[in-house]
Amino acid sequence: MNEHLIERKPYMQILRNLREQHIIKVVTGMRRSGKSTLLEMLATEIGQTVNKEQIQFLNFEDLDTLAIGDYLQIYRHISQKNVPDKMNYVFLDEVQNVEGFERMVDSLYIKKNVDLYITGSNAYLLSSELATLLTGRYMEIHILPFSFAEYTSLVLNTQNLTKNKSFADLQGVNSPNLTKDESLASFVYNGALPQAINLRYTAPEQENEYVKAILNTVIEKDIFKRHEIYNKQSFNKILDFVLDSTGSMISPRSISDTLRANDNVVDKTIVANYLDYLVESYLLYKVPRYDVKGKSLLKTLDKYYLADTGFRKARLGKKMTEDRGHLLENMVYLELRRRNSEVYIGKLRDKEIDFVAIDNKGYVSYYQVAYSVTDEQTLERELAPLRLIRDSNPKYLLSADWDTNPVFDGIRKYNVIDWLLDVK
């Protein structure tokens, strides 16, 4: 298997639509989530219709590229290779590794015959001087690891999948001949980083080490190198706490209090900074709470979801049966991010709604997520928050149960596998 065989259709379509538009295409996302591959695929596609001399692809994690010189020398190198009187397609991969890259990008942008694409693995890219220089002149395309639909396209013959009656409790799945339930178990537990999936089916004993290596690289290059971390041991304890609390309400104060109870004194302000660094590196996504009745954001008790659930398994050694409901919730959050412009945690009276999603057209939908609701009491508990909502927007209860997708008082119970594969 090879990640190059999977066309990231939604992302590729956005880039195709923006081709030769006078706007900088900024592809962001966590390291090894597929940004470089996406741009390589686009460059290959463009190369089928234009001369190769019109395409320049520079990877700034490659020492040979960095050896060209500083930002000014790199700018001159690109400019000298541009073909006059023709459109030139310039791809700058991990451009934030070049000091002063903002000026280089700005100067390339003003050239009328340059179609510019850049990538970055840290939110610093768009919180830097670049955002100020290029306000209104760039579009961000944020990329996530593989979706379930992409994952099944890579490892399964979807036409031959069969439905089990239950969601398999698997510690790891290494056979390509999986049922839908087994494939979801592997996806939720092991994560969806492209190369990690390749290793899962070619060298499974190496997958965990690979995922750990990515996590360590992000911590060292995107956090420790950029920020002053005086107590790395405390930082790692906070990271472990968040990994272990996926999908739970937490705050800098609650983390600080928990650490203090275990004789690790870390001020809540420092905890807040460390959480911000993890979000900036795209390892975590911070999801604020939303008052459904008041239509406003709340300022306390956010949730944090992982960019890839495989980090939790690789670093903490958790088993699939541990907290699988929250892991499933994590995957639903990532899918909602792919499909919508905004995702929040809902609050209505004393009830919590797992997700409030607002799509690009402003339409709202509500979601509850549970591993299983075959127990009547559990079903009623999950339906209760949705029943309190008085508007007519769609309401869904997603679970791994296989049934006939019944409707309860306008709330559609939907099998999560069918929902994940229902990609418009």
Protein backbone atom coordinates (compact mmCIF):
# COMPACT_ATOMS: atom_id res chain seq x y z
CA MET A 1 0.00 0.00 0.00
CA ASN A 2 1.13 3.52 -0.69
CA GLU A 3 -0.37 6.81 0.45
CA HIS A 4 0.29 8.17 -3.05
CA LEU A 5 -2.46 5.86 -4.34
CA ILE A 6 -5.10 7.81 -2.42
CA GLU A 7 -6.21 11.08 -3.92
CA ARG A 8 -7.29 13.38 -1.11
CA LYS A 9 -10.30 14.40 -3.17
CA PRO A 10 -11.78 17.21 -1.04
CA TYR A 11 -8.40 18.88 -0.59
CA MET A 12 -7.34 18.34 -4.19
CA GLN A 13 -10.59 19.81 -5.46
CA ILE A 14 -10.10 22.95 -3.39
CA LEU A 15 -6.58 23.36 -4.79
CA ARG A 16 -7.79 22.72 -8.34
CA ASN A 17 -10.45 25.39 -7.94
CA LEU A 18 -7.83 27.85 -6.70
CA ARG A 19 -5.28 27.08 -9.42
CA GLU A 20 -3.95 30.28 -11.03
CA GLN A 21 -6.17 32.39 -8.80
CA HIS A 22 -4.13 35.30 -7.48
CA ILE A 23 -4.21 34.04 -3.94
CA ILE A 24 -1.63 32.14 -1.89
CA LYS A 25 -2.66 28.59 -1.12
CA VAL A 26 -1.52 27.80 2.45
CA VAL A 27 -1.75 24.09 3.35
CA THR A 28 -1.49 23.56 7.11
CA GLY A 29 -1.63 20.50 9.34
CA MET A 30 0.35 18.29 11.66
CA ARG A 31 3.62 16.75 10.52
CA ARG A 32 3.21 13.60 8.41
CA SER A 33 -0.50 14.18 7.85
CA GLY A 34 -0.02 14.25 4.08
CA LYS A 35 0.64 17.91 3.19
CA SER A 36 3.76 17.28 1.11
CA THR A 37 2.18 14.35 -0.69
CA LEU A 38 -0.86 16.49 -1.51
CA LEU A 39 1.29 19.18 -3.11
CA GLU A 40 3.41 16.59 -4.92
CA MET A 41 0.25 15.09 -6.42
CA LEU A 42 -0.92 18.54 -7.51
CA ALA A 43 2.48 19.38 -9.01
CA THR A 44 2.44 16.07 -10.91
CA GLU A 45 -1.05 16.79 -12.20
CA ILE A 46 -0.08 20.30 -13.32
CA GLY A 47 3.03 18.87 -14.98
CA GLN A 48 0.82 16.91 -17.36
CA THR A 49 -0.37 20.13 -19.01
CA VAL A 50 2.60 22.52 -18.72
CA ASN A 51 6.35 22.34 -19.25
CA LYS A 52 8.28 20.96 -16.29
CA GLU A 53 10.40 24.13 -16.24
CA GLN A 54 7.34 26.04 -15.06
CA ILE A 55 7.16 24.03 -11.84
CA GLN A 56 9.45 24.51 -8.83
CA PHE A 57 9.10 22.36 -5.70
CA LEU A 58 11.34 23.28 -2.76
CA ASN A 59 11.28 21.25 0.47
CA PHE A 60 12.73 23.26 3.35
CA GLU A 61 13.28 20.20 5.51
CA ASP A 62 15.88 19.16 2.91
CA LEU A 63 19.36 20.44 3.76
CA ASP A 64 20.19 20.73 0.04
CA THR A 65 17.36 23.25 -0.30
CA LEU A 66 18.35 25.17 2.83
CA ALA A 67 21.93 25.28 1.51
CA ILE A 68 20.76 27.68 -1.22
CA GLY A 69 21.06 30.41 1.41
CA ASP A 70 18.91 32.85 3.32
CA TYR A 71 15.40 33.95 2.32
CA LEU A 72 16.76 36.55 -0.10
CA GLN A 73 19.04 34.08 -1.88
CA ILE A 74 16.22 31.54 -2.08
CA TYR A 75 13.95 34.22 -3.54
CA ARG A 76 16.53 35.07 -6.20
CA HIS A 77 17.04 31.35 -6.94
CA ILE A 78 13.31 30.91 -7.59
CA SER A 79 13.00 34.14 -9.58
CA GLN A 80 15.91 33.25 -11.86
CA LYS A 81 14.35 29.85 -12.67
CA ASN A 82 10.90 31.27 -13.42
CA VAL A 83 9.93 31.09 -17.09
CA PRO A 84 9.20 34.60 -18.42
CA ASP A 85 5.75 35.34 -19.88
CA LYS A 86 4.32 32.04 -18.63
CA MET A 87 2.61 30.98 -15.43
CA ASN A 88 5.03 29.43 -12.95
CA TYR A 89 3.88 27.08 -10.20
CA VAL A 90 5.96 27.45 -7.04
CA PHE A 91 5.58 24.99 -4.14
CA LEU A 92 7.32 25.84 -0.85
CA ASP A 93 7.13 22.92 1.59
CA GLU A 94 7.60 23.68 5.33
CA VAL A 95 8.54 27.23 4.48
CA GLN A 96 8.50 28.35 8.12
CA ASN A 97 11.94 26.72 8.48
CA VAL A 98 13.40 29.70 6.61
CA GLU A 99 14.04 32.76 8.75
CA GLY A 100 12.39 35.75 7.12
CA PHE A 101 10.19 33.56 4.90
CA GLU A 102 7.37 36.11 5.16
CA ARG A 103 9.21 38.61 2.95
CA MET A 104 10.09 35.93 0.41
CA VAL A 105 6.47 34.78 0.18
CA ASP A 106 5.19 38.36 -0.09
CA SER A 107 7.64 39.16 -2.92
CA LEU A 108 6.72 36.01 -4.84
CA TYR A 109 3.03 36.77 -4.40
CA ILE A 110 3.23 40.14 -6.15
CA LYS A 111 4.61 38.52 -9.31
CA LYS A 112 1.72 38.12 -11.74
CA ASN A 113 3.15 34.97 -13.30
CA VAL A 114 3.59 33.00 -10.05
CA ASP A 115 0.97 30.62 -8.69
CA LEU A 116 2.13 30.09 -5.11
CA TYR A 117 1.53 27.14 -2.75
CA ILE A 118 3.07 26.80 0.72
CA THR A 119 2.82 24.33 3.62
CA GLY A 120 3.46 24.61 7.34
CA SER A 121 3.30 22.26 10.32
CA ASN A 122 2.73 24.88 12.99
CA ALA A 123 0.08 27.56 13.50
CA TYR A 124 3.01 29.99 13.84
CA LEU A 125 2.96 30.12 10.06
CA LEU A 126 -0.28 32.13 10.11
CA SER A 127 0.20 33.85 13.44
CA SER A 128 3.44 35.40 12.29
CA GLU A 129 4.17 38.49 10.25
CA LEU A 130 2.91 36.57 7.20
CA ALA A 131 -0.74 36.93 8.24
CA THR A 132 -0.27 40.68 8.70
CA LEU A 133 1.51 41.09 5.38
CA LEU A 134 -0.97 39.00 3.42
CA THR A 135 -4.33 39.77 5.01
CA GLY A 136 -6.98 38.93 2.43
CA ARG A 137 -4.43 37.47 0.03
CA TYR A 138 -4.21 33.86 1.17
CA MET A 139 -6.52 30.91 1.76
CA GLU A 140 -5.79 28.24 4.35
CA ILE A 141 -6.48 24.60 3.53
CA HIS A 142 -6.14 22.63 6.77
CA ILE A 143 -5.39 18.96 6.25
CA LEU A 144 -6.09 16.11 8.67
CA PRO A 145 -4.91 12.47 8.66
CA PHE A 146 -6.95 10.02 6.58
CA SER A 147 -10.71 9.93 6.98
CA PHE A 148 -12.42 6.58 7.45
CA ALA A 149 -13.53 6.67 3.81
CA GLU A 150 -9.93 7.24 2.69
CA TYR A 151 -8.69 4.56 5.06
CA THR A 152 -11.10 1.94 3.73
CA SER A 153 -10.20 2.91 0.18
CA LEU A 154 -6.58 2.24 1.01
CA VAL A 155 -6.80 -1.07 2.86
CA LEU A 156 -10.10 -2.65 1.95
CA ASN A 157 -12.19 -3.74 -0.96
CA THR A 158 -15.25 -1.82 0.17
CA GLN A 159 -17.56 -3.73 -2.15
CA ASN A 160 -16.91 -6.95 -0.22
CA LEU A 161 -17.19 -5.63 3.32
CA THR A 162 -19.66 -7.44 5.53
CA LYS A 163 -21.50 -6.20 8.58
CA ASN A 164 -20.89 -7.76 11.97
CA LYS A 165 -23.48 -7.55 14.72
CA SER A 166 -21.07 -5.83 17.11
CA PHE A 167 -18.08 -3.51 17.11
CA ALA A 168 -15.06 -5.82 17.53
CA ASP A 169 -12.84 -5.36 20.58
CA LEU A 170 -9.51 -5.61 18.82
CA GLN A 171 -6.07 -4.68 20.13
CA GLY A 172 -4.75 -4.39 16.57
CA VAL A 173 -5.83 -5.61 13.20
CA ASN A 174 -3.26 -6.58 10.61
CA SER A 175 -5.28 -8.46 8.03
CA PRO A 176 -6.54 -6.62 4.94
CA ASN A 177 -9.62 -8.88 4.88
CA LEU A 178 -11.58 -6.99 7.53
CA THR A 179 -15.26 -6.53 8.19
CA LYS A 180 -16.59 -3.02 8.56
CA ASP A 181 -16.64 -3.34 12.34
CA GLU A 182 -13.07 -4.63 12.46
CA SER A 183 -11.84 -1.87 10.17
CA LEU A 184 -13.48 0.77 12.36
CA ALA A 185 -11.90 -0.78 15.47
CA SER A 186 -8.46 -0.57 13.88
CA PHE A 187 -9.08 2.95 12.59
CA VAL A 188 -10.25 4.29 15.96
CA TYR A 189 -7.59 2.57 18.04
CA ASN A 190 -4.52 2.81 15.79
CA GLY A 191 -5.19 6.14 14.12
CA ALA A 192 -4.95 7.25 10.51
CA LEU A 193 -1.54 8.74 9.77
CA PRO A 194 -0.78 7.73 6.14
CA GLN A 195 2.61 6.09 6.66
CA ALA A 196 1.50 4.47 9.93
CA ILE A 197 -1.25 2.71 7.98
CA ASN A 198 1.32 1.48 5.47
CA LEU A 199 3.39 0.03 8.31
CA ARG A 200 0.30 -1.52 9.91
CA TYR A 201 0.02 -3.87 6.96
CA THR A 202 3.66 -4.24 5.94
CA ALA A 203 5.69 -4.06 9.18
CA PRO A 204 3.22 -3.90 12.10
CA GLU A 205 5.97 -4.25 14.69
CA GLN A 206 7.32 -0.84 13.56
CA GLU A 207 4.07 1.15 13.62
CA ASN A 208 4.15 2.18 17.29
CA GLU A 209 7.77 3.33 17.05
CA TYR A 210 6.97 5.36 13.96
CA VAL A 211 4.03 7.11 15.65
CA LYS A 212 6.16 7.81 18.75
CA ALA A 213 8.86 9.27 16.51
CA ILE A 214 6.38 11.66 14.88
CA LEU A 215 5.10 12.76 18.28
CA ASN A 216 8.64 13.34 19.55
CA THR A 217 9.56 15.27 16.40
CA VAL A 218 6.59 17.60 16.82
CA ILE A 219 7.46 18.16 20.48
CA GLU A 220 11.14 18.84 19.79
CA LYS A 221 10.91 20.85 16.56
CA ASP A 222 7.58 22.64 16.84
CA ILE A 223 7.39 23.21 20.61
CA PHE A 224 10.71 22.93 22.45
CA LYS A 225 12.68 24.63 19.68
CA ARG A 226 10.19 27.51 19.38
CA HIS A 227 9.23 28.07 23.02
CA GLU A 228 11.10 28.28 26.30
CA ILE A 229 10.11 25.15 28.21
CA TYR A 230 11.93 25.29 31.55
CA ASN A 231 10.51 22.06 32.94
CA LYS A 232 10.22 19.47 30.20
CA GLN A 233 9.20 16.81 32.70
CA SER A 234 6.13 18.86 33.67
CA PHE A 235 5.34 19.49 30.00
CA ASN A 236 5.35 15.75 29.33
CA LYS A 237 3.11 15.09 32.34
CA ILE A 238 0.62 17.63 31.02
CA LEU A 239 0.73 16.04 27.58
CA ASP A 240 0.11 12.60 29.09
CA PHE A 241 -2.78 14.01 31.13
CA VAL A 242 -4.44 15.45 28.00
CA LEU A 243 -3.87 12.27 26.00
CA ASP A 244 -5.50 10.31 28.80
CA SER A 245 -8.41 12.77 29.03
CA THR A 246 -9.43 12.79 25.37
CA GLY A 247 -13.00 14.04 25.08
CA SER A 248 -13.28 15.10 28.73
CA MET A 249 -13.90 18.62 30.01
CA ILE A 250 -10.63 20.03 31.31
CA SER A 251 -9.16 23.39 32.20
CA PRO A 252 -5.68 24.66 33.08
CA ARG A 253 -6.83 24.86 36.71
CA SER A 254 -8.12 21.26 36.78
CA ILE A 255 -4.85 19.98 35.30
CA SER A 256 -2.80 22.07 37.72
CA ASP A 257 -4.83 20.81 40.69
CA THR A 258 -4.46 17.18 39.56
CA LEU A 259 -0.70 17.52 39.17
CA ARG A 260 -0.41 19.24 42.54
CA ALA A 261 -2.25 16.37 44.18
CA ASN A 262 0.51 14.12 42.80
CA ASP A 263 3.30 16.38 44.10
CA ASN A 264 3.90 18.10 40.74
CA VAL A 265 3.40 21.84 41.22
CA VAL A 266 2.72 23.58 37.90
CA ASP A 267 0.98 26.95 37.83
CA LYS A 268 -2.26 27.08 35.85
CA THR A 269 -0.84 29.88 33.66
CA ILE A 270 2.03 27.64 32.60
CA VAL A 271 -0.44 24.79 31.95
CA ALA A 272 -2.48 27.14 29.73
CA ASN A 273 0.66 28.09 27.77
CA TYR A 274 1.63 24.45 27.27
CA LEU A 275 -1.85 23.62 26.02
CA ASP A 276 -1.62 26.51 23.57
CA TYR A 277 1.71 25.18 22.27
CA LEU A 278 0.16 21.73 21.69
CA VAL A 279 -2.71 23.32 19.78
CA GLU A 280 -0.32 25.48 17.73
CA SER A 281 1.56 22.34 16.67
CA TYR A 282 -1.74 20.77 15.50
CA LEU A 283 -1.32 17.83 17.88
CA LEU A 284 -4.48 18.90 19.68
CA TYR A 285 -7.68 20.70 18.74
CA LYS A 286 -9.32 22.88 21.35
CA VAL A 287 -13.11 22.80 21.17
CA PRO A 288 -14.98 25.51 23.09
CA ARG A 289 -18.44 25.15 24.61
CA TYR A 290 -21.45 26.76 22.99
CA ASP A 291 -24.62 27.85 24.76
CA VAL A 292 -27.32 26.48 22.45
CA LYS A 293 -30.08 28.64 23.91
CA GLY A 294 -28.09 31.86 24.17
CA LYS A 295 -26.20 31.28 20.87
CA SER A 296 -22.91 32.31 22.48
CA LEU A 297 -19.55 30.81 23.39
CA LEU A 298 -18.72 29.92 26.98
CA LYS A 299 -15.31 30.72 28.44
CA THR A 300 -14.64 27.75 30.70
CA LEU A 301 -14.08 23.99 30.48
CA ASP A 302 -13.06 23.26 26.90
CA LYS A 303 -12.46 19.85 25.43
CA TYR A 304 -9.33 18.76 23.59
CA TYR A 305 -9.26 16.18 20.82
CA LEU A 306 -6.22 14.51 19.25
CA ALA A 307 -5.18 15.02 15.66
CA ASP A 308 -4.62 11.27 15.61
CA THR A 309 -5.74 8.74 18.21
CA GLY A 310 -2.68 6.59 17.49
CA PHE A 311 -0.63 8.96 19.68
CA ARG A 312 -2.59 7.88 22.74
CA LYS A 313 -1.96 4.21 22.09
CA ALA A 314 1.71 4.67 21.18
CA ARG A 315 2.62 6.88 24.13
CA LEU A 316 0.40 5.56 26.92
CA GLY A 317 0.03 1.93 25.85
CA LYS A 318 -3.74 2.08 26.21
CA LYS A 319 -5.87 -0.85 25.12
CA MET A 320 -8.79 -0.59 22.72
CA THR A 321 -11.28 -1.44 25.45
CA GLU A 322 -10.11 1.51 27.55
CA ASP A 323 -12.23 4.60 26.93
CA ARG A 324 -13.25 3.53 23.42
CA GLY A 325 -16.34 5.73 23.62
CA HIS A 326 -14.19 8.85 23.84
CA LEU A 327 -11.91 7.60 21.07
CA LEU A 328 -14.92 7.13 18.82
CA GLU A 329 -16.03 10.64 19.80
CA ASN A 330 -12.57 11.91 18.80
CA MET A 331 -12.93 10.39 15.34
CA VAL A 332 -16.40 11.89 14.92
CA TYR A 333 -15.00 15.29 15.86
CA LEU A 334 -12.29 15.04 13.19
CA GLU A 335 -14.86 14.04 10.58
CA LEU A 336 -17.09 16.95 11.55
CA ARG A 337 -14.05 19.23 11.14
CA ARG A 338 -13.62 17.90 7.61
CA ARG A 339 -17.26 18.57 6.73
CA ASN A 340 -17.96 21.81 8.59
CA SER A 341 -16.47 25.22 9.20
CA GLU A 342 -17.17 25.32 12.94
CA VAL A 343 -17.58 22.60 15.60
CA TYR A 344 -18.44 23.23 19.26
CA ILE A 345 -19.43 21.38 22.42
CA GLY A 346 -23.08 22.18 23.12
CA LYS A 347 -24.56 23.16 26.49
CA LEU A 348 -28.30 23.42 27.15
CA ARG A 349 -29.43 23.87 30.74
CA ASP A 350 -27.56 21.19 32.70
CA LYS A 351 -27.08 18.90 29.68
CA GLU A 352 -24.14 18.52 27.33
CA ILE A 353 -24.49 17.94 23.59
CA ASP A 354 -21.39 16.28 22.21
CA PHE A 355 -21.16 18.44 19.09
CA VAL A 356 -22.82 21.45 17.52
CA ALA A 357 -21.69 21.68 13.89
CA ILE A 358 -22.14 24.69 11.63
CA ASP A 359 -21.44 24.06 7.96
CA ASN A 360 -20.06 26.46 5.36
CA LYS A 361 -23.55 27.70 4.53
CA GLY A 362 -24.41 28.39 8.15
CA TYR A 363 -26.67 25.37 8.69
CA VAL A 364 -26.57 23.86 12.19
CA SER A 365 -26.74 20.18 13.20
CA TYR A 366 -26.42 18.42 16.57
CA TYR A 367 -24.66 15.14 17.40
CA GLN A 368 -24.48 12.73 20.30
CA VAL A 369 -21.87 9.94 20.12
CA ALA A 370 -21.91 6.69 22.09
CA TYR A 371 -20.15 3.38 21.59
CA SER A 372 -23.38 1.47 22.14
CA VAL A 373 -26.92 2.36 23.21
CA THR A 374 -28.49 -1.10 23.16
CA ASP A 375 -29.22 -0.64 26.86
CA GLU A 376 -32.50 1.28 27.20
CA GLN A 377 -31.23 3.45 30.04
CA THR A 378 -28.14 4.44 28.05
CA LEU A 379 -30.27 5.22 25.02
CA GLU A 380 -32.52 7.54 27.02
CA ARG A 381 -29.52 9.26 28.59
CA GLU A 382 -28.01 10.01 25.16
CA LEU A 383 -31.31 11.18 23.67
CA ALA A 384 -32.14 13.49 26.58
CA PRO A 385 -29.91 16.47 25.60
CA LEU A 386 -31.13 16.38 21.99
CA ARG A 387 -34.77 16.29 23.10
CA LEU A 388 -34.28 19.58 24.94
CA ILE A 389 -33.40 21.39 21.70
CA ARG A 390 -36.48 23.16 20.38
CA ASP A 391 -35.28 24.22 16.94
CA SER A 392 -35.83 22.18 13.78
CA ASN A 393 -32.17 21.60 12.87
CA PRO A 394 -31.05 17.97 12.25
CA LYS A 395 -30.23 15.91 15.34
CA TYR A 396 -28.23 12.67 15.23
CA LEU A 397 -27.27 9.93 17.65
CA LEU A 398 -24.20 8.10 16.31
CA SER A 399 -23.25 4.68 17.66
CA ALA A 400 -21.50 1.49 16.53
CA ASP A 401 -24.75 -0.50 16.84
CA TRP A 402 -26.22 -2.07 13.73
CA ASP A 403 -29.97 -1.54 13.47
CA THR A 404 -32.48 0.03 11.10
CA ASN A 405 -31.47 3.63 11.86
CA PRO A 406 -34.65 4.44 13.81
CA VAL A 407 -35.94 7.94 14.52
CA PHE A 408 -36.85 9.07 18.05
CA ASP A 409 -38.87 12.29 18.25
CA GLY A 410 -37.10 13.62 15.16
CA ILE A 411 -33.67 12.39 16.30
CA ARG A 412 -32.09 9.99 13.82
CA LYS A 413 -30.04 7.14 15.27
CA TYR A 414 -27.32 6.47 12.73
CA ASN A 415 -24.66 3.76 12.57
CA VAL A 416 -21.33 5.59 12.81
CA ILE A 417 -19.73 3.52 10.04
CA ASP A 418 -22.50 4.40 7.61
CA TRP A 419 -22.18 8.04 8.66
CA LEU A 420 -18.39 8.08 8.24
CA LEU A 421 -18.69 6.56 4.76
CA ASP A 422 -21.54 8.88 3.74
CA VAL A 423 -19.26 11.41 2.12
CA LYS A 424 -21.03 13.80 -0.24
